[in-house]
Amino acid sequence: MKLFASSLLIGAILAMSGCTEPDTYPVTGIECDPNDPVQDMDASECTAVSGI
């Protein structure tokens, strides 16, 4: 039953994330601005937090 509930929850999250507008942030729904600093970010600038 836990596996079914987990699968259902993950499926619902994936389905809802596909329903966002292309020019909005998926969590907040705020419209993306061309001047947002995250537009210029690169994957190499993201670091994982360790020690948690």
Protein backbone atom coordinates (compact mmCIF):
# COMPACT_ATOMS: atom_id res chain seq x y z
CA MET A 1 0.00 0.00 0.00
CA LYS A 2 2.90 2.38 0.76
CA LEU A 3 4.37 1.73 -2.68
CA PHE A 4 1.04 2.53 -4.34
CA ALA A 5 0.59 5.75 -2.34
CA SER A 6 4.16 6.84 -3.07
CA SER A 7 3.76 6.09 -6.76
CA LEU A 8 0.50 8.00 -6.87
CA LEU A 9 2.04 11.00 -5.12
CA ILE A 10 5.07 11.06 -7.44
CA GLY A 11 2.82 10.72 -10.47
CA ALA A 12 0.62 13.59 -9.30
CA ILE A 13 3.64 15.84 -8.73
CA LEU A 14 5.00 15.06 -12.19
CA ALA A 15 1.61 15.67 -13.79
CA MET A 16 1.18 19.01 -12.02
CA SER A 17 4.68 20.16 -12.90
CA GLY A 18 3.84 19.67 -16.56
CA CYS A 19 0.89 22.06 -16.25
CA THR A 20 2.92 25.21 -15.65
CA GLU A 21 3.16 27.98 -18.18
CA PRO A 22 6.50 28.02 -20.01
CA ASP A 23 7.40 31.54 -18.85
CA THR A 24 6.58 31.09 -15.17
CA TYR A 25 8.38 29.56 -12.23
CA PRO A 26 6.79 26.15 -11.52
CA VAL A 27 6.43 26.45 -7.74
CA THR A 28 5.31 30.07 -7.33
CA GLY A 29 3.73 30.69 -10.72
CA ILE A 30 5.45 34.08 -10.87
CA GLU A 31 6.22 35.21 -14.40
CA CYS A 32 9.88 34.95 -15.41
CA ASP A 33 11.55 38.25 -16.16
CA PRO A 34 14.32 38.55 -18.76
CA ASN A 35 16.44 40.32 -16.12
CA ASP A 36 16.17 37.52 -13.53
CA PRO A 37 19.68 36.54 -12.41
CA VAL A 38 18.83 32.84 -12.64
CA GLN A 39 18.49 33.15 -16.42
CA ASP A 40 22.28 33.36 -16.71
CA MET A 41 23.08 30.56 -14.23
CA ASP A 42 25.04 27.53 -15.28
CA ALA A 43 24.93 24.06 -13.72
CA SER A 44 28.55 24.49 -12.64
CA GLU A 45 27.46 27.37 -10.36
CA CYS A 46 25.20 25.07 -8.35
CA THR A 47 26.84 23.22 -5.49
CA ALA A 48 25.46 20.50 -3.28
CA VAL A 49 25.24 21.08 0.45
CA SER A 50 27.17 18.48 2.39
CA GLY A 51 27.20 17.59 6.04
CA ILE A 52 23.47 17.57 6.54
